[in-house]
Amino acid sequence: MKGIIAGQAATVNDTCTDCGSFVDIGAVIDEQDTALELTFTGAQAEVDATNMLERAQARFSQTQGNIVPNNAGATLTLVFDVSVEKMIFQLENGL
């Protein structure tokens, strides 16, 4: 166990002697990580992207979105107000 702790980065606090994997949440979440890029393909790509944008804005009203059509479909970029909103949205929508 001492070898594992010694080999960890300073941002990791491994204090669990049973499971060996406790991480400080600040080491996992970057406060600047607010952008999520999603790619949609197929004939309904723009409709699917629009639906996802509406879902994000309904859940988090400050969310900004941009849909860019391309040859394969569409790319949706969502920018959340804070990084935790992005994480919650990803978890709730299986992304």
PDB file of N, CA and C in Angstrom:
ATOM      1  N   MET A   1       0.823  -1.189   0.000  1.00  0.00           N
ATOM      2  CA  MET A   1       0.000   0.000   0.000  1.00  0.00           C
ATOM      3  C   MET A   1       0.869   1.254   0.000  1.00  0.00           C
ATOM      4  N   LYS A   2       1.957   1.254   0.739  1.00  0.00           N
ATOM      5  CA  LYS A   2       2.828   2.424   0.794  1.00  0.00           C
ATOM      6  C   LYS A   2       3.408   2.730  -0.583  1.00  0.00           C
ATOM      7  N   GLY A   3       3.711   1.695  -1.358  1.00  0.00           N
ATOM      8  CA  GLY A   3       4.239   1.887  -2.700  1.00  0.00           C
ATOM      9  C   GLY A   3       3.220   2.517  -3.631  1.00  0.00           C
ATOM     10  N   ILE A   4       1.969   2.124  -3.479  1.00  0.00           N
ATOM     11  CA  ILE A   4       0.902   2.695  -4.304  1.00  0.00           C
ATOM     12  C   ILE A   4       0.740   4.175  -3.977  1.00  0.00           C
ATOM     13  N   ILE A   5       0.679   4.495  -2.689  1.00  0.00           N
ATOM     14  CA  ILE A   5       0.523   5.887  -2.268  1.00  0.00           C
ATOM     15  C   ILE A   5       1.708   6.728  -2.727  1.00  0.00           C
ATOM     16  N   ALA A   6       2.909   6.190  -2.622  1.00  0.00           N
ATOM     17  CA  ALA A   6       4.106   6.934  -3.023  1.00  0.00           C
ATOM     18  C   ALA A   6       4.117   7.204  -4.532  1.00  0.00           C
ATOM     19  N   GLY A   7       3.510   6.333  -5.324  1.00  0.00           N
ATOM     20  CA  GLY A   7       3.502   6.480  -6.770  1.00  0.00           C
ATOM     21  C   GLY A   7       2.393   7.361  -7.305  1.00  0.00           C
ATOM     22  N   GLN A   8       1.536   7.855  -6.436  1.00  0.00           N
ATOM     23  CA  GLN A   8       0.410   8.670  -6.880  1.00  0.00           C
ATOM     24  C   GLN A   8       0.798  10.132  -7.043  1.00  0.00           C
ATOM     25  N   ALA A   9       0.040  10.803  -7.886  1.00  0.00           N
ATOM     26  CA  ALA A   9       0.230  12.247  -8.055  1.00  0.00           C
ATOM     27  C   ALA A   9      -0.208  12.966  -6.787  1.00  0.00           C
ATOM     28  N   ALA A  10       0.284  14.163  -6.605  1.00  0.00           N
ATOM     29  CA  ALA A  10      -0.043  14.946  -5.412  1.00  0.00           C
ATOM     30  C   ALA A  10      -1.523  15.293  -5.341  1.00  0.00           C
ATOM     31  N   THR A  11      -2.239  15.255  -6.486  1.00  0.00           N
ATOM     32  CA  THR A  11      -3.658  15.600  -6.500  1.00  0.00           C
ATOM     33  C   THR A  11      -4.553  14.435  -6.110  1.00  0.00           C
ATOM     34  N   VAL A  12      -3.973  13.255  -5.898  1.00  0.00           N
ATOM     35  CA  VAL A  12      -4.744  12.078  -5.528  1.00  0.00           C
ATOM     36  C   VAL A  12      -4.536  11.780  -4.052  1.00  0.00           C
ATOM     37  N   ASN A  13      -5.643  11.573  -3.356  1.00  0.00           N
ATOM     38  CA  ASN A  13      -5.589  11.263  -1.939  1.00  0.00           C
ATOM     39  C   ASN A  13      -6.170   9.875  -1.740  1.00  0.00           C
ATOM     40  N   ASP A  14      -5.343   8.850  -1.762  1.00  0.00           N
ATOM     41  CA  ASP A  14      -5.788   7.472  -1.624  1.00  0.00           C
ATOM     42  C   ASP A  14      -5.683   7.071  -0.161  1.00  0.00           C
ATOM     43  N   THR A  15      -6.823   7.106   0.545  1.00  0.00           N
ATOM     44  CA  THR A  15      -6.826   6.804   1.968  1.00  0.00           C
ATOM     45  C   THR A  15      -7.583   5.522   2.297  1.00  0.00           C
ATOM     46  N   CYS A  16      -8.156   4.899   1.320  1.00  0.00           N
ATOM     47  CA  CYS A  16      -8.949   3.699   1.559  1.00  0.00           C
ATOM     48  C   CYS A  16      -8.045   2.467   1.520  1.00  0.00           C
ATOM     49  N   THR A  17      -7.851   1.821   2.657  1.00  0.00           N
ATOM     50  CA  THR A  17      -6.975   0.651   2.693  1.00  0.00           C
ATOM     51  C   THR A  17      -7.684  -0.603   2.201  1.00  0.00           C
ATOM     52  N   ASP A  18      -9.012  -0.579   2.122  1.00  0.00           N
ATOM     53  CA  ASP A  18      -9.752  -1.736   1.632  1.00  0.00           C
ATOM     54  C   ASP A  18      -9.883  -1.742   0.117  1.00  0.00           C
ATOM     55  N   CYS A  19     -10.291  -0.607  -0.428  1.00  0.00           N
ATOM     56  CA  CYS A  19     -10.530  -0.576  -1.875  1.00  0.00           C
ATOM     57  C   CYS A  19      -9.368   0.031  -2.643  1.00  0.00           C
ATOM     58  N   GLY A  20      -8.608   0.906  -2.016  1.00  0.00           N
ATOM     59  CA  GLY A  20      -7.439   1.473  -2.668  1.00  0.00           C
ATOM     60  C   GLY A  20      -7.724   2.463  -3.765  1.00  0.00           C
ATOM     61  N   SER A  21      -8.920   3.072  -3.779  1.00  0.00           N
ATOM     62  CA  SER A  21      -9.158   4.060  -4.834  1.00  0.00           C
ATOM     63  C   SER A  21     -10.129   5.141  -4.376  1.00  0.00           C
ATOM     64  N   PHE A  22      -9.640   6.063  -3.627  1.00  0.00           N
ATOM     65  CA  PHE A  22     -10.384   7.251  -3.244  1.00  0.00           C
ATOM     66  C   PHE A  22      -9.700   8.427  -3.929  1.00  0.00           C
ATOM     67  N   VAL A  23     -10.454   9.237  -4.655  1.00  0.00           N
ATOM     68  CA  VAL A  23      -9.869  10.349  -5.397  1.00  0.00           C
ATOM     69  C   VAL A  23     -10.549  11.638  -4.970  1.00  0.00           C
ATOM     70  N   ASP A  24      -9.773  12.687  -4.722  1.00  0.00           N
ATOM     71  CA  ASP A  24     -10.348  13.992  -4.451  1.00  0.00           C
ATOM     72  C   ASP A  24     -11.082  14.455  -5.691  1.00  0.00           C
ATOM     73  N   ILE A  25     -12.316  14.907  -5.525  1.00  0.00           N
ATOM     74  CA  ILE A  25     -13.140  15.272  -6.676  1.00  0.00           C
ATOM     75  C   ILE A  25     -12.517  16.420  -7.467  1.00  0.00           C
ATOM     76  N   GLY A  26     -11.754  17.285  -6.810  1.00  0.00           N
ATOM     77  CA  GLY A  26     -11.086  18.374  -7.512  1.00  0.00           C
ATOM     78  C   GLY A  26     -10.033  17.892  -8.490  1.00  0.00           C
ATOM     79  N   ALA A  27      -9.546  16.677  -8.296  1.00  0.00           N
ATOM     80  CA  ALA A  27      -8.560  16.113  -9.215  1.00  0.00           C
ATOM     81  C   ALA A  27      -9.240  15.543 -10.458  1.00  0.00           C
ATOM     82  N   VAL A  28     -10.549  15.321 -10.387  1.00  0.00           N
ATOM     83  CA  VAL A  28     -11.288  14.721 -11.492  1.00  0.00           C
ATOM     84  C   VAL A  28     -12.032  15.776 -12.306  1.00  0.00           C
ATOM     85  N   ILE A  29     -12.587  16.771 -11.622  1.00  0.00           N
ATOM     86  CA  ILE A  29     -13.381  17.799 -12.286  1.00  0.00           C
ATOM     87  C   ILE A  29     -12.527  19.036 -12.516  1.00  0.00           C
ATOM     88  N   ASP A  30     -12.444  19.454 -13.752  1.00  0.00           N
ATOM     89  CA  ASP A  30     -11.753  20.698 -14.097  1.00  0.00           C
ATOM     90  C   ASP A  30     -12.819  21.774 -14.227  1.00  0.00           C
ATOM     91  N   GLU A  31     -12.718  22.834 -13.454  1.00  0.00           N
ATOM     92  CA  GLU A  31     -13.751  23.863 -13.449  1.00  0.00           C
ATOM     93  C   GLU A  31     -13.916  24.547 -14.805  1.00  0.00           C
ATOM     94  N   GLN A  32     -12.930  24.448 -15.676  1.00  0.00           N
ATOM     95  CA  GLN A  32     -13.013  25.065 -17.000  1.00  0.00           C
ATOM     96  C   GLN A  32     -13.606  24.123 -18.054  1.00  0.00           C
ATOM     97  N   ASP A  33     -13.878  22.871 -17.676  1.00  0.00           N
ATOM     98  CA  ASP A  33     -14.381  21.869 -18.611  1.00  0.00           C
ATOM     99  C   ASP A  33     -15.898  21.986 -18.729  1.00  0.00           C
ATOM    100  N   THR A  34     -16.355  22.963 -19.503  1.00  0.00           N
ATOM    101  CA  THR A  34     -17.787  23.220 -19.620  1.00  0.00           C
ATOM    102  C   THR A  34     -18.348  22.907 -21.014  1.00  0.00           C
ATOM    103  N   ALA A  35     -17.497  22.574 -21.967  1.00  0.00           N
ATOM    104  CA  ALA A  35     -17.946  22.333 -23.346  1.00  0.00           C
ATOM    105  C   ALA A  35     -18.093  20.832 -23.616  1.00  0.00           C
ATOM    106  N   LEU A  36     -19.180  20.497 -24.266  1.00  0.00           N
ATOM    107  CA  LEU A  36     -19.458  19.115 -24.653  1.00  0.00           C
ATOM    108  C   LEU A  36     -19.770  19.106 -26.143  1.00  0.00           C
ATOM    109  N   GLU A  37     -19.038  18.295 -26.898  1.00  0.00           N
ATOM    110  CA  GLU A  37     -19.260  18.199 -28.345  1.00  0.00           C
ATOM    111  C   GLU A  37     -19.852  16.841 -28.673  1.00  0.00           C
ATOM    112  N   LEU A  38     -20.977  16.859 -29.353  1.00  0.00           N
ATOM    113  CA  LEU A  38     -21.680  15.632 -29.732  1.00  0.00           C
ATOM    114  C   LEU A  38     -21.838  15.586 -31.247  1.00  0.00           C
ATOM    115  N   THR A  39     -21.626  14.415 -31.823  1.00  0.00           N
ATOM    116  CA  THR A  39     -21.759  14.228 -33.260  1.00  0.00           C
ATOM    117  C   THR A  39     -22.980  13.366 -33.542  1.00  0.00           C
ATOM    118  N   PHE A  40     -23.798  13.818 -34.449  1.00  0.00           N
ATOM    119  CA  PHE A  40     -24.995  13.084 -34.863  1.00  0.00           C
ATOM    120  C   PHE A  40     -24.866  12.745 -36.334  1.00  0.00           C
ATOM    121  N   THR A  41     -25.261  11.539 -36.701  1.00  0.00           N
ATOM    122  CA  THR A  41     -25.173  11.112 -38.095  1.00  0.00           C
ATOM    123  C   THR A  41     -26.537  10.656 -38.589  1.00  0.00           C
ATOM    124  N   GLY A  42     -26.664  10.591 -39.899  1.00  0.00           N
ATOM    125  CA  GLY A  42     -27.897  10.103 -40.501  1.00  0.00           C
ATOM    126  C   GLY A  42     -28.805  11.227 -40.960  1.00  0.00           C
ATOM    127  N   ALA A  43     -29.925  10.829 -41.526  1.00  0.00           N
ATOM    128  CA  ALA A  43     -30.877  11.772 -42.108  1.00  0.00           C
ATOM    129  C   ALA A  43     -31.498  12.683 -41.050  1.00  0.00           C
ATOM    130  N   GLN A  44     -31.621  12.203 -39.843  1.00  0.00           N
ATOM    131  CA  GLN A  44     -32.249  12.966 -38.756  1.00  0.00           C
ATOM    132  C   GLN A  44     -31.235  13.682 -37.877  1.00  0.00           C
ATOM    133  N   ALA A  45     -30.002  13.803 -38.320  1.00  0.00           N
ATOM    134  CA  ALA A  45     -28.932  14.333 -37.480  1.00  0.00           C
ATOM    135  C   ALA A  45     -29.240  15.720 -36.929  1.00  0.00           C
ATOM    136  N   GLU A  46     -29.699  16.625 -37.771  1.00  0.00           N
ATOM    137  CA  GLU A  46     -29.984  17.987 -37.307  1.00  0.00           C
ATOM    138  C   GLU A  46     -31.169  18.014 -36.344  1.00  0.00           C
ATOM    139  N   VAL A  47     -32.163  17.189 -36.592  1.00  0.00           N
ATOM    140  CA  VAL A  47     -33.317  17.103 -35.694  1.00  0.00           C
ATOM    141  C   VAL A  47     -32.876  16.556 -34.339  1.00  0.00           C
ATOM    142  N   ASP A  48     -32.049  15.504 -34.358  1.00  0.00           N
ATOM    143  CA  ASP A  48     -31.542  14.923 -33.118  1.00  0.00           C
ATOM    144  C   ASP A  48     -30.685  15.920 -32.346  1.00  0.00           C
ATOM    145  N   ALA A  49     -29.862  16.665 -33.063  1.00  0.00           N
ATOM    146  CA  ALA A  49     -29.016  17.675 -32.423  1.00  0.00           C
ATOM    147  C   ALA A  49     -29.874  18.777 -31.806  1.00  0.00           C
ATOM    148  N   THR A  50     -30.895  19.201 -32.510  1.00  0.00           N
ATOM    149  CA  THR A  50     -31.798  20.229 -31.998  1.00  0.00           C
ATOM    150  C   THR A  50     -32.524  19.739 -30.752  1.00  0.00           C
ATOM    151  N   ASN A  51     -32.973  18.498 -30.785  1.00  0.00           N
ATOM    152  CA  ASN A  51     -33.643  17.921 -29.613  1.00  0.00           C
ATOM    153  C   ASN A  51     -32.714  17.868 -28.406  1.00  0.00           C
ATOM    154  N   MET A  52     -31.465  17.495 -28.624  1.00  0.00           N
ATOM    155  CA  MET A  52     -30.498  17.426 -27.534  1.00  0.00           C
ATOM    156  C   MET A  52     -30.203  18.822 -26.986  1.00  0.00           C
ATOM    157  N   LEU A  53     -30.096  19.803 -27.870  1.00  0.00           N
ATOM    158  CA  LEU A  53     -29.880  21.185 -27.446  1.00  0.00           C
ATOM    159  C   LEU A  53     -31.054  21.659 -26.589  1.00  0.00           C
ATOM    160  N   GLU A  54     -32.272  21.379 -27.031  1.00  0.00           N
ATOM    161  CA  GLU A  54     -33.459  21.778 -26.269  1.00  0.00           C
ATOM    162  C   GLU A  54     -33.498  21.083 -24.906  1.00  0.00           C
ATOM    163  N   ARG A  55     -33.101  19.817 -24.873  1.00  0.00           N
ATOM    164  CA  ARG A  55     -33.064  19.070 -23.612  1.00  0.00           C
ATOM    165  C   ARG A  55     -32.059  19.705 -22.647  1.00  0.00           C
ATOM    166  N   ALA A  56     -30.899  20.080 -23.165  1.00  0.00           N
ATOM    167  CA  ALA A  56     -29.870  20.695 -22.326  1.00  0.00           C
ATOM    168  C   ALA A  56     -30.331  22.042 -21.795  1.00  0.00           C
ATOM    169  N   GLN A  57     -30.944  22.843 -22.648  1.00  0.00           N
ATOM    170  CA  GLN A  57     -31.386  24.165 -22.224  1.00  0.00           C
ATOM    171  C   GLN A  57     -32.591  24.102 -21.291  1.00  0.00           C
ATOM    172  N   ALA A  58     -33.413  23.065 -21.420  1.00  0.00           N
ATOM    173  CA  ALA A  58     -34.530  22.887 -20.500  1.00  0.00           C
ATOM    174  C   ALA A  58     -34.031  22.508 -19.111  1.00  0.00           C
ATOM    175  N   ARG A  59     -32.967  21.719 -19.067  1.00  0.00           N
ATOM    176  CA  ARG A  59     -32.397  21.275 -17.781  1.00  0.00           C
ATOM    177  C   ARG A  59     -31.547  22.352 -17.137  1.00  0.00           C
ATOM    178  N   PHE A  60     -30.737  23.053 -17.948  1.00  0.00           N
ATOM    179  CA  PHE A  60     -29.834  24.097 -17.461  1.00  0.00           C
ATOM    180  C   PHE A  60     -30.016  25.322 -18.359  1.00  0.00           C
ATOM    181  N   SER A  61     -30.759  26.295 -17.893  1.00  0.00           N
ATOM    182  CA  SER A  61     -31.206  27.420 -18.725  1.00  0.00           C
ATOM    183  C   SER A  61     -30.073  28.282 -19.286  1.00  0.00           C
ATOM    184  N   GLN A  62     -28.907  28.293 -18.660  1.00  0.00           N
ATOM    185  CA  GLN A  62     -27.800  29.125 -19.141  1.00  0.00           C
ATOM    186  C   GLN A  62     -26.952  28.436 -20.207  1.00  0.00           C
ATOM    187  N   THR A  63     -27.301  27.219 -20.576  1.00  0.00           N
ATOM    188  CA  THR A  63     -26.525  26.460 -21.562  1.00  0.00           C
ATOM    189  C   THR A  63     -26.630  27.091 -22.944  1.00  0.00           C
ATOM    190  N   GLN A  64     -25.473  27.269 -23.571  1.00  0.00           N
ATOM    191  CA  GLN A  64     -25.402  27.790 -24.937  1.00  0.00           C
ATOM    192  C   GLN A  64     -25.140  26.622 -25.885  1.00  0.00           C
ATOM    193  N   GLY A  65     -25.674  26.698 -27.088  1.00  0.00           N
ATOM    194  CA  GLY A  65     -25.474  25.612 -28.040  1.00  0.00           C
ATOM    195  C   GLY A  65     -25.255  26.113 -29.448  1.00  0.00           C
ATOM    196  N   ASN A  66     -24.540  25.302 -30.220  1.00  0.00           N
ATOM    197  CA  ASN A  66     -24.264  25.620 -31.616  1.00  0.00           C
ATOM    198  C   ASN A  66     -24.316  24.327 -32.422  1.00  0.00           C
ATOM    199  N   ILE A  67     -25.142  24.317 -33.459  1.00  0.00           N
ATOM    200  CA  ILE A  67     -25.260  23.149 -34.331  1.00  0.00           C
ATOM    201  C   ILE A  67     -24.604  23.481 -35.665  1.00  0.00           C
ATOM    202  N   VAL A  68     -23.670  22.622 -36.069  1.00  0.00           N
ATOM    203  CA  VAL A  68     -22.974  22.814 -37.345  1.00  0.00           C
ATOM    204  C   VAL A  68     -23.251  21.594 -38.232  1.00  0.00           C
ATOM    205  N   PRO A  69     -24.021  21.795 -39.311  1.00  0.00           N
ATOM    206  CA  PRO A  69     -24.253  20.686 -40.241  1.00  0.00           C
ATOM    207  C   PRO A  69     -22.959  20.327 -40.977  1.00  0.00           C
ATOM    208  N   ASN A  70     -22.789  19.049 -41.293  1.00  0.00           N
ATOM    209  CA  ASN A  70     -21.642  18.606 -42.079  1.00  0.00           C
ATOM    210  C   ASN A  70     -22.080  17.468 -42.995  1.00  0.00           C
ATOM    211  N   ASN A  71     -21.161  16.933 -43.763  1.00  0.00           N
ATOM    212  CA  ASN A  71     -21.500  15.890 -44.739  1.00  0.00           C
ATOM    213  C   ASN A  71     -22.080  14.637 -44.092  1.00  0.00           C
ATOM    214  N   ALA A  72     -21.596  14.290 -42.914  1.00  0.00           N
ATOM    215  CA  ALA A  72     -22.042  13.064 -42.251  1.00  0.00           C
ATOM    216  C   ALA A  72     -23.283  13.273 -41.394  1.00  0.00           C
ATOM    217  N   GLY A  73     -23.619  14.526 -41.079  1.00  0.00           N
ATOM    218  CA  GLY A  73     -24.763  14.795 -40.219  1.00  0.00           C
ATOM    219  C   GLY A  73     -24.682  16.168 -39.595  1.00  0.00           C
ATOM    220  N   ALA A  74     -24.425  16.207 -38.283  1.00  0.00           N
ATOM    221  CA  ALA A  74     -24.335  17.491 -37.583  1.00  0.00           C
ATOM    222  C   ALA A  74     -23.515  17.327 -36.311  1.00  0.00           C
ATOM    223  N   THR A  75     -22.865  18.413 -35.933  1.00  0.00           N
ATOM    224  CA  THR A  75     -22.113  18.444 -34.682  1.00  0.00           C
ATOM    225  C   THR A  75     -22.747  19.492 -33.777  1.00  0.00           C
ATOM    226  N   LEU A  76     -23.046  19.089 -32.574  1.00  0.00           N
ATOM    227  CA  LEU A  76     -23.628  19.977 -31.569  1.00  0.00           C
ATOM    228  C   LEU A  76     -22.573  20.272 -30.517  1.00  0.00           C
ATOM    229  N   THR A  77     -22.344  21.548 -30.251  1.00  0.00           N
ATOM    230  CA  THR A  77     -21.456  21.941 -29.165  1.00  0.00           C
ATOM    231  C   THR A  77     -22.305  22.624 -28.107  1.00  0.00           C
ATOM    232  N   LEU A  78     -22.274  22.058 -26.916  1.00  0.00           N
ATOM    233  CA  LEU A  78     -22.974  22.623 -25.773  1.00  0.00           C
ATOM    234  C   LEU A  78     -21.953  23.238 -24.833  1.00  0.00           C
ATOM    235  N   VAL A  79     -22.225  24.444 -24.358  1.00  0.00           N
ATOM    236  CA  VAL A  79     -21.358  25.083 -23.380  1.00  0.00           C
ATOM    237  C   VAL A  79     -22.204  25.370 -22.151  1.00  0.00           C
ATOM    238  N   PHE A  80     -21.885  24.658 -21.085  1.00  0.00           N
ATOM    239  CA  PHE A  80     -22.625  24.786 -19.836  1.00  0.00           C
ATOM    240  C   PHE A  80     -22.051  25.918 -18.994  1.00  0.00           C
ATOM    241  N   ASP A  81     -22.853  26.410 -18.069  1.00  0.00           N
ATOM    242  CA  ASP A  81     -22.437  27.509 -17.205  1.00  0.00           C
ATOM    243  C   ASP A  81     -21.306  27.086 -16.271  1.00  0.00           C
ATOM    244  N   VAL A  82     -21.389  25.877 -15.726  1.00  0.00           N
ATOM    245  CA  VAL A  82     -20.349  25.331 -14.846  1.00  0.00           C
ATOM    246  C   VAL A  82     -20.126  23.862 -15.195  1.00  0.00           C
ATOM    247  N   SER A  83     -18.963  23.347 -14.863  1.00  0.00           N
ATOM    248  CA  SER A  83     -18.591  21.991 -15.268  1.00  0.00           C
ATOM    249  C   SER A  83     -19.486  20.912 -14.676  1.00  0.00           C
ATOM    250  N   VAL A  84     -20.006  21.127 -13.485  1.00  0.00           N
ATOM    251  CA  VAL A  84     -20.855  20.098 -12.876  1.00  0.00           C
ATOM    252  C   VAL A  84     -22.153  19.921 -13.668  1.00  0.00           C
ATOM    253  N   GLU A  85     -22.652  20.994 -14.289  1.00  0.00           N
ATOM    254  CA  GLU A  85     -23.835  20.858 -15.138  1.00  0.00           C
ATOM    255  C   GLU A  85     -23.547  19.930 -16.306  1.00  0.00           C
ATOM    256  N   LYS A  86     -22.375  20.065 -16.881  1.00  0.00           N
ATOM    257  CA  LYS A  86     -21.974  19.184 -17.981  1.00  0.00           C
ATOM    258  C   LYS A  86     -21.963  17.735 -17.527  1.00  0.00           C
ATOM    259  N   MET A  87     -21.365  17.485 -16.363  1.00  0.00           N
ATOM    260  CA  MET A  87     -21.290  16.114 -15.852  1.00  0.00           C
ATOM    261  C   MET A  87     -22.671  15.544 -15.560  1.00  0.00           C
ATOM    262  N   ILE A  88     -23.528  16.337 -14.946  1.00  0.00           N
ATOM    263  CA  ILE A  88     -24.894  15.880 -14.632  1.00  0.00           C
ATOM    264  C   ILE A  88     -25.636  15.566 -15.924  1.00  0.00           C
ATOM    265  N   PHE A  89     -25.520  16.438 -16.911  1.00  0.00           N
ATOM    266  CA  PHE A  89     -26.199  16.225 -18.188  1.00  0.00           C
ATOM    267  C   PHE A  89     -25.711  14.943 -18.853  1.00  0.00           C
ATOM    268  N   GLN A  90     -24.407  14.723 -18.835  1.00  0.00           N
ATOM    269  CA  GLN A  90     -23.855  13.506 -19.420  1.00  0.00           C
ATOM    270  C   GLN A  90     -24.377  12.260 -18.700  1.00  0.00           C
ATOM    271  N   LEU A  91     -24.414  12.289 -17.394  1.00  0.00           N
ATOM    272  CA  LEU A  91     -24.895  11.142 -16.625  1.00  0.00           C
ATOM    273  C   LEU A  91     -26.383  10.898 -16.871  1.00  0.00           C
ATOM    274  N   GLU A  92     -27.168  11.965 -16.864  1.00  0.00           N
ATOM    275  CA  GLU A  92     -28.616  11.813 -17.061  1.00  0.00           C
ATOM    276  C   GLU A  92     -28.975  11.304 -18.445  1.00  0.00           C
ATOM    277  N   ASN A  93     -28.132  11.583 -19.420  1.00  0.00           N
ATOM    278  CA  ASN A  93     -28.439  11.218 -20.807  1.00  0.00           C
ATOM    279  C   ASN A  93     -27.570  10.084 -21.355  1.00  0.00           C
ATOM    280  N   GLY A  94     -26.808   9.440 -20.493  1.00  0.00           N
ATOM    281  CA  GLY A  94     -25.999   8.299 -20.900  1.00  0.00           C
ATOM    282  C   GLY A  94     -24.939   8.636 -21.931  1.00  0.00           C
ATOM    283  N   LEU A  95     -24.340   9.812 -21.804  1.00  0.00           N
ATOM    284  CA  LEU A  95     -23.330  10.250 -22.772  1.00  0.00           C
ATOM    285  C   LEU A  95     -21.934   9.970 -22.283  1.00  0.00           C
TER     286      LEU A  95
END
